[in-house]
């Protein structure tokens, strides 16, 4: 139950999916360090692959242990952020008067990656223009999602969404805002 004045906040942290990615990344890095005679893979390919997989593994580690806020619902509105590698570019805030609905959806082309998005009221000017690249990704990977919704969405990745607490917090701070699930 959300207490009066209480907010719902989720931080990035270790998840089963993140730990799996970390293990795969560490195995990939270790395989690049094996002598060429054991693998038969050219050294130049192992160096490039090692750098790429090492960077991805480092990004996963940084995200898992940053403890940065991923989602916050309070009296002011809803705040969504991306991981710590791109802190300012991924900040998305909407005050409650701007919010028509909170939409939970999945991107089928990305193994049903879950997303949370903000559907803004049509009569209110958007506070921050949506990134053009998000619209392109949405059209390619989730054609069933309107591009303006996709542009104001973030992946639920590196943190867990508690739908019951989400419903309680939204009901407490903005009972007129719907929570919609799109399959």
N, C-alpha and C. Protein backbone atom coordinates (compact mmCIF):
# COMPACT_ATOMS: atom_id res chain seq x y z
N UNK A 1 0.84 -1.19 0.00
CA UNK A 1 0.00 0.00 0.00
C UNK A 1 0.88 1.24 0.00
N UNK A 2 0.53 2.21 -0.80
CA UNK A 2 1.28 3.45 -0.86
C UNK A 2 0.74 4.38 0.22
N UNK A 3 1.60 4.79 1.10
CA UNK A 3 1.22 5.71 2.17
C UNK A 3 1.08 7.11 1.62
N UNK A 4 0.22 7.95 2.23
CA UNK A 4 0.14 9.34 1.77
C UNK A 4 1.52 9.99 1.81
N UNK A 5 1.89 10.60 0.71
CA UNK A 5 3.21 11.22 0.60
C UNK A 5 4.28 10.25 0.14
N UNK A 6 3.96 8.95 0.05
CA UNK A 6 4.94 7.95 -0.37
C UNK A 6 4.97 7.86 -1.88
N UNK A 7 6.09 7.49 -2.40
CA UNK A 7 6.23 7.35 -3.84
C UNK A 7 6.72 5.95 -4.19
N UNK A 8 6.58 5.60 -5.44
CA UNK A 8 7.04 4.31 -5.94
C UNK A 8 8.29 4.56 -6.76
N UNK A 9 9.37 3.96 -6.36
CA UNK A 9 10.65 4.17 -7.02
C UNK A 9 11.35 2.83 -7.21
N UNK A 10 11.85 2.62 -8.42
CA UNK A 10 12.60 1.41 -8.73
C UNK A 10 13.97 1.83 -9.23
N UNK A 11 14.98 1.11 -8.80
CA UNK A 11 16.35 1.39 -9.22
C UNK A 11 16.90 0.25 -10.06
N UNK A 12 17.86 0.58 -10.92
CA UNK A 12 18.56 -0.46 -11.67
C UNK A 12 19.30 -1.34 -10.67
N UNK A 13 19.39 -2.63 -10.99
CA UNK A 13 20.08 -3.56 -10.12
C UNK A 13 20.20 -4.90 -10.80
N UNK A 14 20.79 -5.85 -10.09
CA UNK A 14 20.96 -7.18 -10.67
C UNK A 14 19.61 -7.86 -10.93
N UNK A 15 19.47 -8.44 -12.10
CA UNK A 15 18.31 -9.24 -12.46
C UNK A 15 18.82 -10.55 -13.02
N UNK A 16 17.95 -11.53 -13.13
CA UNK A 16 18.35 -12.82 -13.67
C UNK A 16 18.86 -12.68 -15.11
N UNK A 17 18.16 -11.87 -15.89
CA UNK A 17 18.56 -11.63 -17.28
C UNK A 17 19.92 -10.92 -17.34
N UNK A 18 20.13 -9.95 -16.47
CA UNK A 18 21.40 -9.22 -16.43
C UNK A 18 22.56 -10.12 -16.01
N UNK A 19 22.32 -10.97 -15.01
CA UNK A 19 23.37 -11.89 -14.58
C UNK A 19 23.71 -12.89 -15.68
N UNK A 20 22.69 -13.33 -16.43
CA UNK A 20 22.94 -14.23 -17.56
C UNK A 20 23.79 -13.56 -18.63
N UNK A 21 23.47 -12.30 -18.93
CA UNK A 21 24.26 -11.55 -19.91
C UNK A 21 25.69 -11.36 -19.44
N UNK A 22 25.86 -11.15 -18.15
CA UNK A 22 27.19 -10.97 -17.58
C UNK A 22 28.01 -12.26 -17.71
N UNK A 23 27.41 -13.39 -17.42
CA UNK A 23 28.11 -14.68 -17.54
C UNK A 23 28.51 -14.94 -19.00
N UNK A 24 27.57 -14.71 -19.92
CA UNK A 24 27.88 -14.92 -21.35
C UNK A 24 29.00 -13.98 -21.78
N UNK A 25 28.96 -12.74 -21.33
CA UNK A 25 30.01 -11.78 -21.68
C UNK A 25 31.38 -12.18 -21.15
N UNK A 26 31.40 -12.66 -19.91
CA UNK A 26 32.67 -13.09 -19.33
C UNK A 26 33.22 -14.33 -20.05
N UNK A 27 32.35 -15.24 -20.43
CA UNK A 27 32.79 -16.43 -21.20
C UNK A 27 33.32 -15.98 -22.57
N UNK A 28 32.64 -15.04 -23.20
CA UNK A 28 33.10 -14.51 -24.49
C UNK A 28 34.47 -13.86 -24.38
N UNK A 29 34.68 -13.07 -23.33
CA UNK A 29 35.98 -12.43 -23.13
C UNK A 29 37.07 -13.47 -22.87
N UNK A 30 36.74 -14.47 -22.05
CA UNK A 30 37.72 -15.51 -21.75
C UNK A 30 38.08 -16.31 -23.01
N UNK A 31 37.11 -16.57 -23.87
CA UNK A 31 37.40 -17.33 -25.09
C UNK A 31 38.31 -16.54 -26.03
N UNK A 32 38.27 -15.23 -25.96
CA UNK A 32 39.15 -14.41 -26.81
C UNK A 32 40.59 -14.45 -26.31
N UNK A 33 40.77 -14.79 -25.04
CA UNK A 33 42.12 -14.82 -24.47
C UNK A 33 42.83 -16.15 -24.69
N UNK A 34 42.12 -17.15 -25.21
CA UNK A 34 42.74 -18.45 -25.44
C UNK A 34 43.78 -18.35 -26.56
N UNK A 35 44.82 -19.17 -26.51
CA UNK A 35 45.82 -19.17 -27.58
C UNK A 35 45.20 -19.54 -28.93
N UNK A 36 45.73 -18.98 -30.04
CA UNK A 36 45.15 -19.22 -31.36
C UNK A 36 45.12 -20.69 -31.74
N UNK A 37 46.07 -21.46 -31.30
CA UNK A 37 46.10 -22.87 -31.65
C UNK A 37 44.90 -23.63 -31.12
N UNK A 38 44.35 -23.17 -30.02
CA UNK A 38 43.22 -23.86 -29.41
C UNK A 38 41.90 -23.53 -30.11
N UNK A 39 41.82 -22.34 -30.69
CA UNK A 39 40.54 -21.91 -31.25
C UNK A 39 40.50 -21.96 -32.77
N UNK A 40 41.62 -21.75 -33.42
CA UNK A 40 41.65 -21.70 -34.87
C UNK A 40 41.06 -20.41 -35.43
N UNK A 41 40.78 -19.45 -34.57
CA UNK A 41 40.21 -18.17 -35.00
C UNK A 41 41.35 -17.16 -35.10
N UNK A 42 41.39 -16.39 -36.19
CA UNK A 42 42.48 -15.41 -36.35
C UNK A 42 42.54 -14.41 -35.20
N UNK A 43 43.73 -13.97 -34.89
CA UNK A 43 43.96 -13.06 -33.76
C UNK A 43 43.22 -11.73 -33.95
N UNK A 44 43.21 -11.21 -35.19
CA UNK A 44 42.56 -9.91 -35.41
C UNK A 44 41.06 -9.98 -35.09
N UNK A 45 40.44 -11.13 -35.42
CA UNK A 45 39.01 -11.30 -35.14
C UNK A 45 38.78 -11.41 -33.63
N UNK A 46 39.65 -12.14 -32.94
CA UNK A 46 39.51 -12.29 -31.49
C UNK A 46 39.71 -10.97 -30.77
N UNK A 47 40.61 -10.12 -31.26
CA UNK A 47 40.83 -8.81 -30.64
C UNK A 47 39.58 -7.93 -30.81
N UNK A 48 39.05 -7.87 -32.02
CA UNK A 48 37.86 -7.05 -32.27
C UNK A 48 36.68 -7.58 -31.46
N UNK A 49 36.47 -8.89 -31.51
CA UNK A 49 35.37 -9.49 -30.75
C UNK A 49 35.56 -9.27 -29.25
N UNK A 50 36.77 -9.40 -28.77
CA UNK A 50 37.06 -9.19 -27.34
C UNK A 50 36.76 -7.77 -26.90
N UNK A 51 37.11 -6.80 -27.73
CA UNK A 51 36.83 -5.40 -27.39
C UNK A 51 35.32 -5.15 -27.35
N UNK A 52 34.61 -5.65 -28.36
CA UNK A 52 33.15 -5.44 -28.41
C UNK A 52 32.43 -6.13 -27.25
N UNK A 53 32.74 -7.40 -27.02
CA UNK A 53 32.07 -8.13 -25.95
C UNK A 53 32.49 -7.59 -24.58
N UNK A 54 33.72 -7.12 -24.47
CA UNK A 54 34.19 -6.52 -23.22
C UNK A 54 33.46 -5.22 -22.92
N UNK A 55 33.23 -4.41 -23.94
CA UNK A 55 32.49 -3.15 -23.75
C UNK A 55 31.04 -3.42 -23.34
N UNK A 56 30.42 -4.40 -23.99
CA UNK A 56 29.03 -4.75 -23.65
C UNK A 56 28.95 -5.29 -22.22
N UNK A 57 29.92 -6.10 -21.83
CA UNK A 57 29.93 -6.65 -20.48
C UNK A 57 30.16 -5.55 -19.45
N UNK A 58 31.04 -4.60 -19.76
CA UNK A 58 31.27 -3.48 -18.84
C UNK A 58 30.00 -2.63 -18.71
N UNK A 59 29.30 -2.40 -19.82
CA UNK A 59 28.04 -1.65 -19.77
C UNK A 59 27.00 -2.35 -18.91
N UNK A 60 26.93 -3.67 -19.02
CA UNK A 60 25.99 -4.45 -18.20
C UNK A 60 26.34 -4.32 -16.72
N UNK A 61 27.62 -4.42 -16.41
CA UNK A 61 28.07 -4.29 -15.02
C UNK A 61 27.75 -2.90 -14.45
N UNK A 62 28.05 -1.88 -15.23
CA UNK A 62 27.79 -0.50 -14.78
C UNK A 62 26.30 -0.30 -14.52
N UNK A 63 25.47 -0.78 -15.43
CA UNK A 63 24.03 -0.64 -15.27
C UNK A 63 23.53 -1.40 -14.05
N UNK A 64 24.00 -2.64 -13.87
CA UNK A 64 23.53 -3.47 -12.77
C UNK A 64 23.85 -2.86 -11.41
N UNK A 65 25.01 -2.27 -11.27
CA UNK A 65 25.43 -1.82 -9.95
C UNK A 65 25.41 -0.31 -9.78
N UNK A 66 24.79 0.40 -10.71
CA UNK A 66 24.72 1.85 -10.59
C UNK A 66 23.71 2.28 -9.54
N UNK A 67 22.63 1.50 -9.37
CA UNK A 67 21.54 1.81 -8.45
C UNK A 67 20.86 3.14 -8.80
N UNK A 68 20.95 3.52 -10.06
CA UNK A 68 20.29 4.74 -10.54
C UNK A 68 18.78 4.50 -10.63
N UNK A 69 18.01 5.55 -10.41
CA UNK A 69 16.55 5.43 -10.48
C UNK A 69 16.13 5.13 -11.92
N UNK A 70 15.32 4.08 -12.09
CA UNK A 70 14.80 3.71 -13.41
C UNK A 70 13.39 4.25 -13.60
N UNK A 71 12.58 4.21 -12.55
CA UNK A 71 11.19 4.66 -12.59
C UNK A 71 10.84 5.29 -11.26
N UNK A 72 10.18 6.44 -11.32
CA UNK A 72 9.72 7.10 -10.09
C UNK A 72 8.34 7.66 -10.35
N UNK A 73 7.42 7.33 -9.44
CA UNK A 73 6.08 7.87 -9.49
C UNK A 73 5.85 8.59 -8.17
N UNK A 74 5.58 9.89 -8.25
CA UNK A 74 5.34 10.67 -7.04
C UNK A 74 4.26 11.71 -7.31
N UNK A 75 4.08 12.63 -6.40
CA UNK A 75 3.02 13.63 -6.53
C UNK A 75 3.22 14.54 -7.73
N UNK A 76 4.45 14.71 -8.19
CA UNK A 76 4.74 15.58 -9.33
C UNK A 76 4.41 14.95 -10.67
N UNK A 77 4.59 13.63 -10.78
CA UNK A 77 4.37 12.95 -12.05
C UNK A 77 5.14 11.66 -12.13
N UNK A 78 5.45 11.27 -13.36
CA UNK A 78 6.17 10.02 -13.61
C UNK A 78 7.50 10.35 -14.27
N UNK A 79 8.56 9.70 -13.79
CA UNK A 79 9.90 9.89 -14.35
C UNK A 79 10.43 8.53 -14.78
N UNK A 80 10.90 8.46 -16.02
CA UNK A 80 11.55 7.27 -16.56
C UNK A 80 12.96 7.65 -16.96
N UNK A 81 13.92 6.78 -16.70
CA UNK A 81 15.29 7.04 -17.13
C UNK A 81 15.86 5.81 -17.81
N UNK A 82 16.89 6.03 -18.60
CA UNK A 82 17.63 4.91 -19.19
C UNK A 82 18.79 4.59 -18.26
N UNK A 83 19.64 3.69 -18.68
CA UNK A 83 20.78 3.30 -17.86
C UNK A 83 21.77 4.43 -17.65
N UNK A 84 22.75 4.19 -16.81
CA UNK A 84 23.71 5.23 -16.43
C UNK A 84 24.67 5.63 -17.54
N UNK A 85 24.72 4.89 -18.64
CA UNK A 85 25.64 5.24 -19.71
C UNK A 85 25.18 6.47 -20.49
N UNK A 86 23.88 6.72 -20.51
CA UNK A 86 23.32 7.89 -21.20
C UNK A 86 22.34 8.59 -20.28
N UNK A 87 22.81 9.19 -19.19
CA UNK A 87 21.90 9.68 -18.16
C UNK A 87 20.99 10.83 -18.58
N UNK A 88 21.47 11.81 -19.30
CA UNK A 88 20.65 12.97 -19.63
C UNK A 88 19.76 12.73 -20.84
N UNK A 89 20.26 12.03 -21.84
CA UNK A 89 19.49 11.85 -23.06
C UNK A 89 18.28 10.96 -22.86
N UNK A 90 18.30 10.12 -21.83
CA UNK A 90 17.21 9.19 -21.62
C UNK A 90 16.21 9.61 -20.58
N UNK A 91 16.33 10.81 -20.03
CA UNK A 91 15.41 11.26 -18.99
C UNK A 91 14.07 11.64 -19.60
N UNK A 92 13.00 11.08 -19.07
CA UNK A 92 11.66 11.36 -19.56
C UNK A 92 10.78 11.64 -18.35
N UNK A 93 10.24 12.86 -18.26
CA UNK A 93 9.36 13.24 -17.16
C UNK A 93 8.06 13.78 -17.73
N UNK A 94 6.96 13.42 -17.10
CA UNK A 94 5.65 13.97 -17.46
C UNK A 94 4.89 14.26 -16.17
N UNK A 95 4.44 15.50 -16.04
CA UNK A 95 3.60 15.87 -14.90
C UNK A 95 2.23 15.23 -15.08
N UNK A 96 1.54 14.96 -14.00
CA UNK A 96 0.26 14.27 -14.07
C UNK A 96 -0.76 14.95 -14.98
N UNK A 97 -0.85 16.28 -15.03
CA UNK A 97 -1.83 16.88 -15.95
C UNK A 97 -1.56 16.58 -17.42
N UNK A 98 -0.32 16.20 -17.77
CA UNK A 98 0.03 15.86 -19.15
C UNK A 98 -0.28 14.41 -19.51
N UNK A 99 -0.46 13.56 -18.49
CA UNK A 99 -0.53 12.11 -18.71
C UNK A 99 -1.98 11.66 -18.90
N UNK A 100 -2.21 10.99 -20.01
CA UNK A 100 -3.51 10.37 -20.27
C UNK A 100 -3.51 8.93 -19.79
N UNK A 101 -2.40 8.21 -20.04
CA UNK A 101 -2.31 6.81 -19.64
C UNK A 101 -0.85 6.38 -19.54
N UNK A 102 -0.64 5.35 -18.76
CA UNK A 102 0.65 4.66 -18.71
C UNK A 102 0.42 3.35 -19.46
N UNK A 103 1.26 3.10 -20.45
CA UNK A 103 1.04 1.95 -21.33
C UNK A 103 2.19 0.96 -21.18
N UNK A 104 1.83 -0.29 -20.94
CA UNK A 104 2.80 -1.39 -20.88
C UNK A 104 2.66 -2.17 -22.18
N UNK A 105 3.78 -2.33 -22.90
CA UNK A 105 3.74 -3.03 -24.18
C UNK A 105 5.01 -3.83 -24.39
N UNK A 106 4.98 -4.69 -25.40
CA UNK A 106 6.15 -5.53 -25.70
C UNK A 106 6.55 -5.35 -27.15
N UNK A 107 7.86 -5.47 -27.39
CA UNK A 107 8.40 -5.38 -28.74
C UNK A 107 8.65 -6.80 -29.24
N UNK A 108 7.78 -7.32 -30.12
CA UNK A 108 7.91 -8.71 -30.55
C UNK A 108 9.22 -9.03 -31.26
N UNK A 109 9.77 -8.08 -31.99
CA UNK A 109 10.99 -8.34 -32.74
C UNK A 109 12.23 -8.40 -31.85
N UNK A 110 12.07 -8.07 -30.57
CA UNK A 110 13.20 -8.12 -29.63
C UNK A 110 12.89 -9.11 -28.52
N UNK A 111 12.41 -10.29 -28.91
CA UNK A 111 12.12 -11.35 -27.95
C UNK A 111 11.13 -10.88 -26.88
N UNK A 112 10.12 -10.12 -27.31
CA UNK A 112 9.08 -9.59 -26.42
C UNK A 112 9.63 -8.74 -25.29
N UNK A 113 10.59 -7.87 -25.62
CA UNK A 113 11.15 -6.95 -24.63
C UNK A 113 10.03 -6.07 -24.08
N UNK A 114 9.84 -6.03 -22.75
CA UNK A 114 8.77 -5.19 -22.20
C UNK A 114 9.17 -3.72 -22.15
N UNK A 115 8.19 -2.86 -22.37
CA UNK A 115 8.37 -1.41 -22.34
C UNK A 115 7.30 -0.79 -21.46
N UNK A 116 7.61 0.37 -20.91
CA UNK A 116 6.63 1.21 -20.23
C UNK A 116 6.65 2.56 -20.93
N UNK A 117 5.46 3.05 -21.27
CA UNK A 117 5.38 4.30 -22.01
C UNK A 117 4.36 5.24 -21.40
N UNK A 118 4.47 6.49 -21.80
CA UNK A 118 3.56 7.53 -21.34
C UNK A 118 2.77 8.04 -22.53
N UNK A 119 1.45 7.85 -22.48
CA UNK A 119 0.59 8.44 -23.50
C UNK A 119 0.17 9.81 -22.98
N UNK A 120 0.60 10.84 -23.70
CA UNK A 120 0.30 12.20 -23.26
C UNK A 120 -1.04 12.67 -23.81
N UNK A 121 -1.65 13.60 -23.11
CA UNK A 121 -2.91 14.19 -23.57
C UNK A 121 -2.64 14.97 -24.85
N UNK A 122 -3.58 14.92 -25.78
CA UNK A 122 -3.40 15.58 -27.07
C UNK A 122 -3.46 17.10 -26.97
N UNK A 123 -4.16 17.61 -25.96
CA UNK A 123 -4.32 19.06 -25.86
C UNK A 123 -3.17 19.74 -25.13
N UNK A 124 -2.20 18.99 -24.68
CA UNK A 124 -1.07 19.57 -23.96
C UNK A 124 0.19 19.47 -24.81
N UNK A 125 0.92 20.55 -24.89
CA UNK A 125 2.19 20.59 -25.64
C UNK A 125 3.19 19.66 -24.97
N UNK A 126 3.86 18.86 -25.73
CA UNK A 126 4.86 17.95 -25.18
C UNK A 126 6.03 18.76 -24.63
N UNK A 127 6.47 18.38 -23.43
CA UNK A 127 7.53 19.14 -22.77
C UNK A 127 8.90 18.90 -23.41
N UNK A 128 9.10 17.73 -24.00
CA UNK A 128 10.39 17.40 -24.60
C UNK A 128 10.13 16.66 -25.90
N UNK A 129 10.68 17.11 -27.02
CA UNK A 129 10.43 16.39 -28.27
C UNK A 129 11.02 14.98 -28.21
N UNK A 130 10.33 14.08 -28.82
CA UNK A 130 10.76 12.68 -28.82
C UNK A 130 11.92 12.48 -29.78
N UNK A 131 12.77 11.54 -29.43
CA UNK A 131 13.92 11.23 -30.27
C UNK A 131 13.46 10.58 -31.57
N UNK A 132 14.01 11.04 -32.68
CA UNK A 132 13.65 10.53 -33.99
C UNK A 132 14.00 9.05 -34.13
N UNK A 133 15.14 8.63 -33.56
CA UNK A 133 15.56 7.24 -33.68
C UNK A 133 14.60 6.30 -32.98
N UNK A 134 13.94 6.74 -31.91
CA UNK A 134 12.97 5.89 -31.23
C UNK A 134 11.76 5.63 -32.11
N UNK A 135 11.36 6.63 -32.87
CA UNK A 135 10.22 6.45 -33.78
C UNK A 135 10.57 5.43 -34.87
N UNK A 136 11.79 5.50 -35.40
CA UNK A 136 12.22 4.57 -36.44
C UNK A 136 12.26 3.14 -35.91
N UNK A 137 12.82 2.97 -34.71
CA UNK A 137 12.89 1.64 -34.10
C UNK A 137 11.49 1.09 -33.86
N UNK A 138 10.59 1.95 -33.41
CA UNK A 138 9.21 1.51 -33.15
C UNK A 138 8.53 1.04 -34.43
N UNK A 139 8.71 1.79 -35.50
CA UNK A 139 8.08 1.39 -36.76
C UNK A 139 8.63 0.06 -37.26
N UNK A 140 9.92 -0.16 -37.07
CA UNK A 140 10.54 -1.40 -37.54
C UNK A 140 10.24 -2.58 -36.62
N UNK A 141 10.31 -2.35 -35.31
CA UNK A 141 10.21 -3.47 -34.38
C UNK A 141 8.88 -3.65 -33.69
N UNK A 142 8.05 -2.62 -33.67
CA UNK A 142 6.75 -2.72 -33.00
C UNK A 142 5.74 -1.89 -33.78
N UNK A 143 5.36 -2.36 -34.96
CA UNK A 143 4.45 -1.56 -35.79
C UNK A 143 3.06 -1.39 -35.18
N UNK A 144 2.72 -2.19 -34.18
CA UNK A 144 1.41 -2.07 -33.54
C UNK A 144 1.35 -0.95 -32.50
N UNK A 145 2.49 -0.30 -32.24
CA UNK A 145 2.57 0.78 -31.26
C UNK A 145 2.65 2.11 -31.99
N UNK A 146 1.80 3.08 -31.64
CA UNK A 146 1.90 4.40 -32.28
C UNK A 146 3.28 5.01 -32.03
N UNK A 147 3.81 5.71 -33.03
CA UNK A 147 5.18 6.22 -32.93
C UNK A 147 5.35 7.23 -31.80
N UNK A 148 4.32 8.05 -31.50
CA UNK A 148 4.48 9.00 -30.40
C UNK A 148 4.54 8.29 -29.05
N UNK A 149 3.84 7.17 -28.91
CA UNK A 149 3.92 6.39 -27.67
C UNK A 149 5.29 5.71 -27.57
N UNK A 150 5.75 5.12 -28.66
CA UNK A 150 7.06 4.46 -28.65
C UNK A 150 8.17 5.44 -28.33
N UNK A 151 8.04 6.67 -28.81
CA UNK A 151 9.06 7.69 -28.56
C UNK A 151 9.08 8.13 -27.11
N UNK A 152 7.99 7.91 -26.40
CA UNK A 152 7.92 8.28 -24.98
C UNK A 152 7.84 7.03 -24.11
N UNK A 153 8.65 6.03 -24.48
CA UNK A 153 8.70 4.76 -23.76
C UNK A 153 10.14 4.39 -23.44
N UNK A 154 10.30 3.55 -22.43
CA UNK A 154 11.61 3.01 -22.09
C UNK A 154 11.49 1.51 -21.85
N UNK A 155 12.58 0.80 -22.12
CA UNK A 155 12.62 -0.63 -21.88
C UNK A 155 12.55 -0.91 -20.38
N UNK A 156 11.89 -1.98 -20.03
CA UNK A 156 11.95 -2.48 -18.66
C UNK A 156 13.06 -3.52 -18.69
N UNK A 157 14.28 -3.04 -18.51
CA UNK A 157 15.47 -3.86 -18.67
C UNK A 157 16.49 -3.42 -17.63
N UNK A 158 16.94 -4.33 -16.80
CA UNK A 158 17.86 -3.98 -15.73
C UNK A 158 17.14 -3.62 -14.45
N UNK A 159 15.83 -3.78 -14.43
CA UNK A 159 15.00 -3.53 -13.25
C UNK A 159 13.70 -4.29 -13.40
N UNK A 160 13.00 -4.48 -12.30
CA UNK A 160 11.74 -5.24 -12.31
C UNK A 160 10.58 -4.30 -11.98
N UNK A 161 9.54 -4.40 -12.76
CA UNK A 161 8.34 -3.61 -12.53
C UNK A 161 7.37 -4.43 -11.70
N UNK A 162 6.93 -3.87 -10.58
CA UNK A 162 5.91 -4.48 -9.74
C UNK A 162 4.58 -3.84 -10.13
N UNK A 163 3.77 -4.57 -10.89
CA UNK A 163 2.52 -4.00 -11.43
C UNK A 163 1.54 -3.61 -10.34
N UNK A 164 1.51 -4.37 -9.26
CA UNK A 164 0.60 -4.05 -8.16
C UNK A 164 0.99 -2.70 -7.53
N UNK A 165 2.28 -2.51 -7.30
CA UNK A 165 2.73 -1.24 -6.72
C UNK A 165 2.55 -0.09 -7.70
N UNK A 166 2.76 -0.36 -8.99
CA UNK A 166 2.52 0.66 -10.01
C UNK A 166 1.06 1.11 -9.97
N UNK A 167 0.15 0.15 -9.94
CA UNK A 167 -1.28 0.45 -9.89
C UNK A 167 -1.63 1.24 -8.63
N UNK A 168 -1.09 0.84 -7.49
CA UNK A 168 -1.35 1.56 -6.24
C UNK A 168 -0.86 3.00 -6.30
N UNK A 169 0.37 3.18 -6.77
CA UNK A 169 0.95 4.52 -6.80
C UNK A 169 0.21 5.44 -7.76
N UNK A 170 -0.12 4.94 -8.94
CA UNK A 170 -0.86 5.75 -9.91
C UNK A 170 -2.25 6.06 -9.36
N UNK A 171 -2.90 5.08 -8.74
CA UNK A 171 -4.21 5.30 -8.14
C UNK A 171 -4.18 6.33 -7.02
N UNK A 172 -3.07 6.37 -6.31
CA UNK A 172 -2.92 7.32 -5.20
C UNK A 172 -2.66 8.74 -5.70
N UNK A 173 -1.74 8.89 -6.65
CA UNK A 173 -1.33 10.22 -7.09
C UNK A 173 -2.15 10.76 -8.25
N UNK A 174 -2.65 9.87 -9.12
CA UNK A 174 -3.39 10.31 -10.31
C UNK A 174 -4.46 9.27 -10.66
N UNK A 175 -5.54 9.23 -9.90
CA UNK A 175 -6.55 8.20 -10.14
C UNK A 175 -7.21 8.28 -11.52
N UNK A 176 -7.12 9.42 -12.17
CA UNK A 176 -7.73 9.57 -13.50
C UNK A 176 -6.85 8.97 -14.61
N UNK A 177 -5.62 8.62 -14.31
CA UNK A 177 -4.69 8.07 -15.31
C UNK A 177 -4.89 6.56 -15.40
N UNK A 178 -5.10 6.09 -16.63
CA UNK A 178 -5.30 4.66 -16.87
C UNK A 178 -3.95 3.94 -16.98
N UNK A 179 -3.95 2.66 -16.66
CA UNK A 179 -2.81 1.79 -16.94
C UNK A 179 -3.31 0.78 -17.97
N UNK A 180 -2.70 0.81 -19.16
CA UNK A 180 -3.16 -0.01 -20.28
C UNK A 180 -2.06 -0.99 -20.67
N UNK A 181 -2.45 -2.22 -20.98
CA UNK A 181 -1.51 -3.21 -21.50
C UNK A 181 -1.86 -3.52 -22.94
N UNK A 182 -0.85 -3.43 -23.82
CA UNK A 182 -1.03 -3.74 -25.24
C UNK A 182 -0.18 -4.97 -25.53
N UNK A 183 -0.81 -5.97 -26.13
CA UNK A 183 -0.06 -7.20 -26.47
C UNK A 183 0.49 -7.14 -27.85
